[in-house]
N, C-alpha and C. Protein backbone atom coordinates (compact mmCIF):
# COMPACT_ATOMS: atom_id res chain seq x y z
N MET A 1 13.40 -3.44 43.70
CA MET A 1 12.90 -4.25 42.66
C MET A 1 14.57 -5.57 42.35
N LEU A 2 14.13 -6.61 42.58
CA LEU A 2 15.34 -7.45 42.65
C LEU A 2 15.21 -8.76 41.77
N LEU A 3 15.75 -9.04 40.73
CA LEU A 3 15.94 -9.55 39.74
C LEU A 3 15.33 -11.24 40.38
N ASN A 4 15.76 -11.70 41.33
CA ASN A 4 15.12 -12.94 41.58
C ASN A 4 13.41 -12.83 42.26
N THR A 5 12.59 -11.91 42.24
CA THR A 5 11.63 -11.82 42.68
C THR A 5 10.62 -11.06 41.49
N VAL A 6 11.18 -11.21 40.10
CA VAL A 6 10.41 -10.22 39.15
C VAL A 6 9.70 -12.10 38.60
N GLN A 7 8.72 -11.74 38.05
CA GLN A 7 7.58 -12.70 38.11
C GLN A 7 6.80 -11.89 37.04
N PRO A 8 5.65 -13.48 35.95
CA PRO A 8 4.84 -12.80 35.22
C PRO A 8 3.56 -12.33 35.87
N GLY A 9 2.65 -11.34 35.29
CA GLY A 9 1.95 -11.01 35.95
C GLY A 9 0.35 -12.34 35.93
N ALA A 10 -0.50 -11.68 37.64
CA ALA A 10 -1.06 -12.95 37.55
C ALA A 10 -2.05 -12.79 36.42
N GLY A 11 -2.24 -14.54 35.96
CA GLY A 11 -2.98 -14.59 34.94
C GLY A 11 -2.29 -14.99 33.61
N ALA A 12 -0.92 -14.50 33.51
CA ALA A 12 -0.49 -13.95 31.83
C ALA A 12 0.25 -15.33 31.80
N LYS A 13 0.11 -16.44 32.57
CA LYS A 13 0.62 -17.91 32.32
C LYS A 13 -0.70 -19.24 32.60
N HIS A 14 -0.20 -20.08 31.68
CA HIS A 14 -1.87 -20.90 31.77
C HIS A 14 -1.21 -22.08 31.68
N ALA A 15 -1.88 -23.23 32.60
CA ALA A 15 -0.96 -24.34 32.28
C ALA A 15 -1.35 -25.12 30.84
N LYS A 16 -0.10 -26.17 30.62
CA LYS A 16 -0.61 -26.49 29.37
C LYS A 16 -1.87 -27.48 29.12
N ARG A 17 -2.24 -27.35 28.16
CA ARG A 17 -3.39 -28.33 27.71
C ARG A 17 -3.44 -29.98 27.94
N ARG A 18 -3.29 -30.62 28.69
CA ARG A 18 -3.35 -32.13 28.76
C ARG A 18 -4.37 -33.11 28.30
N VAL A 19 -4.48 -33.58 27.15
CA VAL A 19 -5.54 -34.23 26.63
C VAL A 19 -5.76 -35.71 26.95
N GLY A 20 -6.31 -36.29 26.88
CA GLY A 20 -6.81 -37.77 26.85
C GLY A 20 -6.23 -38.24 28.21
N ARG A 21 -6.26 -37.53 29.31
CA ARG A 21 -6.22 -38.08 30.64
C ARG A 21 -7.51 -38.17 31.58
N GLY A 22 -8.73 -38.95 31.08
CA GLY A 22 -9.60 -38.92 31.93
C GLY A 22 -10.94 -37.92 31.67
N ILE A 23 -12.00 -38.65 32.06
CA ILE A 23 -13.18 -38.48 32.27
C ILE A 23 -12.96 -36.92 33.07
N GLY A 24 -12.49 -37.12 34.20
CA GLY A 24 -12.27 -35.61 34.98
C GLY A 24 -11.74 -34.68 34.56
N SER A 25 -10.79 -34.62 33.61
CA SER A 25 -9.73 -33.62 32.95
C SER A 25 -11.17 -32.52 31.98
N GLY A 26 -12.19 -33.22 31.80
CA GLY A 26 -13.21 -32.48 30.83
C GLY A 26 -12.11 -32.64 29.32
N LEU A 27 -11.23 -33.57 28.95
CA LEU A 27 -10.27 -33.74 27.56
C LEU A 27 -10.32 -34.71 27.55
N GLY A 28 -10.95 -35.70 27.87
CA GLY A 28 -10.82 -37.02 27.66
C GLY A 28 -11.27 -37.68 26.66
N LYS A 29 -11.30 -39.10 26.43
CA LYS A 29 -12.12 -39.72 25.11
C LYS A 29 -11.51 -38.99 24.16
N THR A 30 -12.38 -38.32 23.50
CA THR A 30 -12.01 -37.54 22.28
C THR A 30 -11.10 -35.82 21.98
N CYS A 31 -10.57 -35.92 23.45
CA CYS A 31 -9.95 -34.79 23.50
C CYS A 31 -10.01 -33.30 23.09
N GLY A 32 -11.58 -32.77 23.25
CA GLY A 32 -11.54 -32.18 22.59
C GLY A 32 -12.01 -31.98 21.23
N ARG A 33 -12.01 -33.25 20.08
CA ARG A 33 -12.21 -33.08 19.13
C ARG A 33 -13.13 -33.09 18.78
N GLY A 34 -14.42 -33.73 19.22
CA GLY A 34 -15.39 -34.11 18.72
C GLY A 34 -15.59 -35.37 18.02
N HIS A 35 -16.72 -35.83 17.47
CA HIS A 35 -16.96 -37.44 16.90
C HIS A 35 -16.14 -37.21 15.36
N LYS A 36 -15.73 -38.08 14.75
CA LYS A 36 -15.35 -38.36 13.50
C LYS A 36 -15.25 -37.22 12.79
N GLY A 37 -15.01 -37.45 11.55
CA GLY A 37 -14.37 -36.37 10.45
C GLY A 37 -13.12 -35.73 10.21
N GLN A 38 -12.69 -35.24 9.35
CA GLN A 38 -11.18 -35.20 8.90
C GLN A 38 -10.10 -34.67 10.08
N LYS A 39 -10.98 -33.56 10.57
CA LYS A 39 -10.85 -32.75 11.91
C LYS A 39 -10.21 -34.01 13.12
N SER A 40 -11.23 -34.73 13.08
CA SER A 40 -10.56 -35.77 14.32
C SER A 40 -9.87 -36.33 14.21
N ARG A 41 -9.10 -36.83 12.97
CA ARG A 41 -8.09 -37.84 12.44
C ARG A 41 -6.99 -37.59 12.90
N ALA A 42 -5.71 -38.35 13.49
CA ALA A 42 -4.88 -37.56 13.04
C ALA A 42 -3.84 -37.72 11.67
N GLY A 43 -3.35 -36.01 12.07
CA GLY A 43 -2.84 -35.74 10.58
C GLY A 43 -3.89 -35.12 9.50
N GLY A 44 -5.14 -35.00 9.98
CA GLY A 44 -6.23 -34.48 9.22
C GLY A 44 -6.09 -33.09 9.10
N PHE A 45 -5.59 -32.65 7.73
CA PHE A 45 -5.89 -31.22 7.55
C PHE A 45 -6.22 -30.61 6.29
N HIS A 46 -6.44 -29.26 5.62
CA HIS A 46 -6.55 -29.10 4.93
C HIS A 46 -5.59 -27.79 4.34
N LYS A 47 -5.29 -27.42 3.50
CA LYS A 47 -4.94 -26.02 2.79
C LYS A 47 -5.78 -24.99 3.48
N VAL A 48 -5.30 -23.89 3.56
CA VAL A 48 -5.77 -22.57 3.48
C VAL A 48 -6.77 -22.43 2.46
N GLY A 49 -8.01 -22.24 2.70
CA GLY A 49 -8.82 -21.94 1.45
C GLY A 49 -9.48 -22.67 1.21
N PHE A 50 -9.23 -24.23 1.17
CA PHE A 50 -9.78 -25.36 1.01
C PHE A 50 -10.93 -25.42 0.92
N GLU A 51 -12.32 -25.87 0.58
CA GLU A 51 -13.83 -25.78 0.40
C GLU A 51 -14.21 -27.40 -0.02
N GLY A 52 -13.76 -27.95 0.39
CA GLY A 52 -14.04 -29.60 0.12
C GLY A 52 -14.11 -30.14 -1.21
N GLY A 53 -13.40 -29.35 -1.64
CA GLY A 53 -13.08 -30.17 -3.21
C GLY A 53 -13.96 -29.31 -4.16
N GLN A 54 -14.53 -28.23 -3.61
CA GLN A 54 -15.37 -27.36 -4.74
C GLN A 54 -14.18 -26.17 -5.08
N MET A 55 -14.74 -25.74 -6.39
CA MET A 55 -13.73 -24.93 -6.64
C MET A 55 -13.48 -23.43 -6.09
N PRO A 56 -12.14 -23.16 -5.47
CA PRO A 56 -11.94 -22.34 -4.15
C PRO A 56 -12.77 -20.85 -4.86
N LEU A 57 -12.72 -20.31 -3.66
CA LEU A 57 -13.21 -18.89 -4.03
C LEU A 57 -12.40 -18.31 -5.29
N GLN A 58 -10.77 -18.21 -4.42
CA GLN A 58 -9.83 -17.82 -5.53
C GLN A 58 -9.12 -17.98 -6.93
N ARG A 59 -10.26 -19.21 -7.07
CA ARG A 59 -10.16 -19.61 -8.93
C ARG A 59 -11.42 -19.31 -9.15
N ARG A 60 -12.93 -19.17 -8.71
CA ARG A 60 -13.83 -19.00 -9.45
C ARG A 60 -14.04 -17.66 -9.66
N LEU A 61 -13.45 -16.55 -9.08
CA LEU A 61 -13.45 -15.32 -9.68
C LEU A 61 -12.67 -14.81 -10.61
N PRO A 62 -13.07 -14.37 -11.38
CA PRO A 62 -12.00 -13.77 -12.54
C PRO A 62 -11.14 -13.02 -12.39
N LYS A 63 -9.54 -12.97 -13.10
CA LYS A 63 -8.74 -12.18 -12.52
C LYS A 63 -8.62 -10.77 -13.45
N ARG A 64 -8.56 -9.99 -12.67
CA ARG A 64 -8.38 -8.93 -13.01
C ARG A 64 -7.03 -8.36 -13.74
N GLY A 65 -6.90 -6.93 -13.97
CA GLY A 65 -5.48 -6.30 -13.97
C GLY A 65 -5.60 -5.26 -12.90
N PHE A 66 -4.61 -4.60 -12.37
CA PHE A 66 -4.00 -3.44 -11.52
C PHE A 66 -4.48 -2.00 -12.23
N LYS A 67 -5.77 -1.69 -11.36
CA LYS A 67 -6.08 -0.03 -11.82
C LYS A 67 -5.73 0.93 -10.66
N SER A 68 -4.67 1.98 -11.12
CA SER A 68 -4.88 2.23 -9.97
C SER A 68 -5.94 3.19 -10.08
N LEU A 69 -6.07 4.16 -8.25
CA LEU A 69 -7.36 5.19 -8.57
C LEU A 69 -6.55 6.55 -8.34
N THR A 70 -5.21 6.54 -7.98
CA THR A 70 -5.20 7.81 -7.68
C THR A 70 -4.52 8.59 -9.25
N ALA A 71 -4.27 7.31 -10.09
CA ALA A 71 -3.30 7.90 -11.48
C ALA A 71 -3.89 8.61 -11.88
N ARG A 72 -5.09 9.11 -12.33
CA ARG A 72 -6.13 10.13 -12.47
C ARG A 72 -6.05 11.44 -12.18
N PHE A 73 -5.40 11.62 -11.22
CA PHE A 73 -5.54 12.61 -10.37
C PHE A 73 -3.56 13.78 -10.43
N VAL A 74 -2.90 12.57 -10.78
CA VAL A 74 -1.30 12.67 -10.43
C VAL A 74 -0.97 12.90 -12.27
N CYS A 75 -0.50 14.36 -12.64
CA CYS A 75 0.05 14.80 -14.23
C CYS A 75 1.56 14.69 -14.11
N GLU A 76 2.08 14.23 -15.32
CA GLU A 76 3.60 14.98 -15.29
C GLU A 76 3.38 15.74 -16.30
N VAL A 77 4.38 16.79 -16.16
CA VAL A 77 4.84 17.76 -17.03
C VAL A 77 6.02 17.85 -17.34
N ARG A 78 6.22 18.24 -19.19
CA ARG A 78 7.80 18.30 -19.16
C ARG A 78 8.20 19.26 -19.22
N LEU A 79 9.68 20.05 -19.05
CA LEU A 79 10.08 20.94 -19.04
C LEU A 79 9.83 21.68 -20.21
N SER A 80 10.01 21.13 -21.29
CA SER A 80 9.96 21.63 -22.86
C SER A 80 8.36 21.94 -23.01
N GLU A 81 7.53 21.61 -22.25
CA GLU A 81 6.10 21.82 -22.05
C GLU A 81 5.99 23.19 -21.71
N LEU A 82 6.64 23.66 -20.20
CA LEU A 82 6.86 24.66 -19.65
C LEU A 82 7.19 25.68 -20.22
N ASN A 83 8.42 25.30 -21.00
CA ASN A 83 8.51 26.56 -22.41
C ASN A 83 7.71 27.06 -23.02
N LEU A 84 6.90 26.67 -23.40
CA LEU A 84 5.79 26.83 -24.04
C LEU A 84 5.01 28.08 -23.40
N LEU A 85 4.42 27.87 -22.44
CA LEU A 85 3.84 28.80 -21.51
C LEU A 85 3.94 30.07 -21.65
N PRO A 86 2.53 31.40 -21.41
CA PRO A 86 3.34 32.47 -21.73
C PRO A 86 3.43 33.13 -20.49
N VAL A 87 3.34 32.55 -19.32
CA VAL A 87 3.23 33.27 -18.19
C VAL A 87 4.99 32.83 -17.51
N ASP A 88 5.26 33.18 -16.86
CA ASP A 88 6.62 33.09 -16.09
C ASP A 88 6.05 32.39 -14.17
N GLU A 89 4.90 32.94 -13.52
CA GLU A 89 4.45 32.26 -12.51
C GLU A 89 3.55 31.32 -13.11
N ILE A 90 4.25 29.84 -12.64
CA ILE A 90 3.51 28.63 -13.16
C ILE A 90 2.79 27.97 -11.57
N ASP A 91 1.34 27.76 -11.83
CA ASP A 91 1.14 26.55 -10.58
C ASP A 91 0.14 25.71 -11.77
N LEU A 92 -0.50 25.23 -10.61
CA LEU A 92 -1.59 24.11 -11.28
C LEU A 92 -2.96 24.63 -11.56
N LEU A 93 -2.95 25.93 -11.65
CA LEU A 93 -3.88 26.31 -12.47
C LEU A 93 -3.69 26.94 -14.06
N ALA A 94 -2.85 26.93 -13.95
CA ALA A 94 -2.09 27.82 -15.38
C ALA A 94 -1.92 26.39 -16.13
N LEU A 95 -1.33 25.28 -15.76
CA LEU A 95 -1.28 24.46 -16.33
C LEU A 95 -2.74 23.50 -17.15
N LYS A 96 -3.76 23.91 -16.06
CA LYS A 96 -4.85 23.43 -15.94
C LYS A 96 -5.70 24.24 -17.83
N GLN A 97 -5.13 25.71 -17.19
CA GLN A 97 -5.85 26.40 -18.21
C GLN A 97 -4.95 26.24 -19.75
N ALA A 98 -3.64 25.45 -19.57
CA ALA A 98 -2.72 26.02 -20.66
C ALA A 98 -3.15 24.18 -21.47
N GLY A 99 -4.31 23.59 -20.65
CA GLY A 99 -4.68 22.14 -21.18
C GLY A 99 -3.33 21.30 -21.34
N LEU A 100 -2.11 21.44 -20.18
CA LEU A 100 -1.27 20.35 -20.15
C LEU A 100 -1.60 19.17 -19.37
N VAL A 101 -2.14 19.32 -18.47
CA VAL A 101 -2.79 18.42 -17.22
C VAL A 101 -4.13 18.69 -17.49
N ALA A 102 -5.20 17.53 -16.81
CA ALA A 102 -6.32 17.05 -17.06
C ALA A 102 -6.69 17.90 -15.68
N ALA A 103 -8.75 17.98 -15.89
CA ALA A 103 -9.02 19.28 -15.46
C ALA A 103 -9.27 19.01 -14.06
N GLN A 104 -9.33 17.47 -13.64
CA GLN A 104 -9.44 16.50 -12.78
C GLN A 104 -8.02 16.61 -11.86
N ALA A 105 -6.99 16.80 -12.59
CA ALA A 105 -5.49 16.90 -11.42
C ALA A 105 -5.52 17.09 -10.33
N LEU A 106 -4.88 16.89 -9.27
CA LEU A 106 -4.83 17.30 -8.03
C LEU A 106 -3.51 17.66 -7.54
N VAL A 107 -2.28 16.99 -8.39
CA VAL A 107 -1.17 16.87 -8.32
C VAL A 107 -0.27 16.88 -9.65
N ALA A 108 0.48 17.72 -10.23
CA ALA A 108 1.36 17.84 -11.24
C ALA A 108 2.66 17.32 -10.85
N LYS A 109 3.66 17.07 -11.64
CA LYS A 109 5.28 16.98 -11.33
C LYS A 109 5.69 17.26 -12.48
N VAL A 110 6.81 17.78 -11.99
CA VAL A 110 7.47 18.27 -13.69
C VAL A 110 8.88 17.32 -13.48
N VAL A 111 9.20 16.97 -15.05
CA VAL A 111 9.96 15.91 -15.13
C VAL A 111 10.91 16.41 -16.12
N LEU A 112 12.30 16.04 -16.08
CA LEU A 112 13.55 16.48 -16.81
C LEU A 112 13.30 15.71 -18.45
N SER A 113 12.39 16.41 -19.10
CA SER A 113 12.57 16.39 -20.41
C SER A 113 12.49 17.10 -21.57
N GLY A 114 13.48 17.44 -22.09
CA GLY A 114 13.70 18.70 -23.20
C GLY A 114 14.12 19.87 -22.27
N LYS A 115 14.40 21.20 -22.61
CA LYS A 115 15.02 22.33 -22.07
C LYS A 115 14.18 23.35 -21.49
N VAL A 116 14.39 24.16 -20.69
CA VAL A 116 13.64 25.48 -20.23
C VAL A 116 15.05 26.31 -20.69
N GLU A 117 14.28 27.46 -21.55
CA GLU A 117 15.51 28.61 -21.73
C GLU A 117 15.17 29.97 -21.00
N ARG A 118 14.17 29.82 -20.18
CA ARG A 118 13.91 31.27 -19.54
C ARG A 118 13.57 30.98 -18.14
N ALA A 119 13.32 32.22 -16.93
CA ALA A 119 13.02 31.58 -15.93
C ALA A 119 11.77 31.90 -15.25
N VAL A 120 11.31 30.23 -14.91
CA VAL A 120 10.15 30.36 -14.63
C VAL A 120 9.85 30.04 -13.17
N LYS A 121 8.76 30.74 -12.62
CA LYS A 121 8.78 30.70 -11.52
C LYS A 121 7.62 29.23 -10.77
N LEU A 122 7.70 28.22 -10.21
CA LEU A 122 7.09 27.15 -9.93
C LEU A 122 5.94 27.33 -8.35
N ARG A 123 5.29 27.43 -8.56
CA ARG A 123 4.23 27.62 -7.00
C ARG A 123 3.63 26.40 -7.17
N GLY A 124 3.66 25.22 -6.06
CA GLY A 124 2.59 23.64 -5.70
C GLY A 124 3.33 23.01 -6.23
N ILE A 125 3.89 23.05 -7.14
CA ILE A 125 4.17 21.78 -7.90
C ILE A 125 5.25 21.05 -7.88
N SER A 126 5.34 19.92 -7.93
CA SER A 126 6.38 19.14 -7.40
C SER A 126 7.34 18.69 -8.37
N VAL A 127 8.77 18.50 -8.43
CA VAL A 127 9.77 18.41 -9.52
C VAL A 127 10.95 17.53 -9.29
N THR A 128 11.04 16.97 -10.17
CA THR A 128 12.24 16.09 -9.57
C THR A 128 13.53 16.69 -9.41
N ALA A 129 14.81 15.72 -9.40
CA ALA A 129 15.57 16.64 -8.91
C ALA A 129 16.51 16.82 -10.39
N GLY A 130 16.47 16.34 -11.52
CA GLY A 130 16.86 16.54 -12.32
C GLY A 130 16.52 18.15 -12.89
N ALA A 131 15.12 18.26 -13.08
CA ALA A 131 14.17 19.11 -13.10
C ALA A 131 14.42 20.13 -12.43
N ARG A 132 14.98 20.26 -11.11
CA ARG A 132 15.02 21.10 -10.41
C ARG A 132 16.47 22.25 -10.62
N ALA A 133 17.42 21.18 -11.13
CA ALA A 133 18.76 21.37 -11.34
C ALA A 133 18.61 22.14 -12.98
N ALA A 134 17.51 21.93 -13.41
CA ALA A 134 17.66 22.58 -15.17
C ALA A 134 16.83 24.11 -14.83
N ILE A 135 15.51 24.25 -14.00
CA ILE A 135 14.69 25.26 -13.47
C ILE A 135 15.82 26.29 -13.06
N GLU A 136 16.36 26.05 -12.02
CA GLU A 136 17.35 26.50 -11.17
C GLU A 136 18.86 27.12 -11.95
N ALA A 137 19.49 26.34 -12.92
CA ALA A 137 20.15 26.63 -14.04
C ALA A 137 20.04 27.97 -15.03
N ALA A 138 18.83 27.88 -14.79
CA ALA A 138 17.83 28.90 -16.52
C ALA A 138 17.30 29.88 -15.65
N GLY A 139 17.55 30.04 -14.01
CA GLY A 139 17.26 31.18 -13.61
C GLY A 139 16.24 31.42 -12.90
N GLY A 140 15.44 30.15 -12.91
CA GLY A 140 13.55 30.11 -11.92
C GLY A 140 13.84 29.97 -10.70
N SER A 141 12.89 29.43 -10.14
CA SER A 141 12.87 29.28 -8.61
C SER A 141 11.63 28.22 -8.50
N ILE A 142 11.51 27.47 -7.51
CA ILE A 142 10.37 26.50 -7.20
C ILE A 142 10.29 26.74 -5.64
N GLU A 143 8.75 27.06 -5.57
CA GLU A 143 8.25 27.22 -4.42
C GLU A 143 7.64 25.99 -3.47
């Protein structure tokens, strides 16, 4: 292949539309704009969402706040709460049975708040970097 022989594929390039060049071109007289109206005029345009003066949809609808659909499935647990649990191996089920997380929780995350004085083993629970350091310093482990 030579660089001077490279060209676009067949049908990739189109001739520019030449409007107002007579009846034979198919785009003479009104030039494809139809008859009358705002869109047929030079400079005739409107904003996106403009509905001809009618109150636009984005202003007709009530404004509501954002409510996360996943927030009810994610729970946070403090280190001090882990310290109160009677078991050493802690998973999501143990947290639910102790009432530390909601029954419908799918994910729990341990955050650095308070202290943990004993070695705990976490299984299937995510941990922040600070909480990880505190748990490992107390002799615990995270799986």
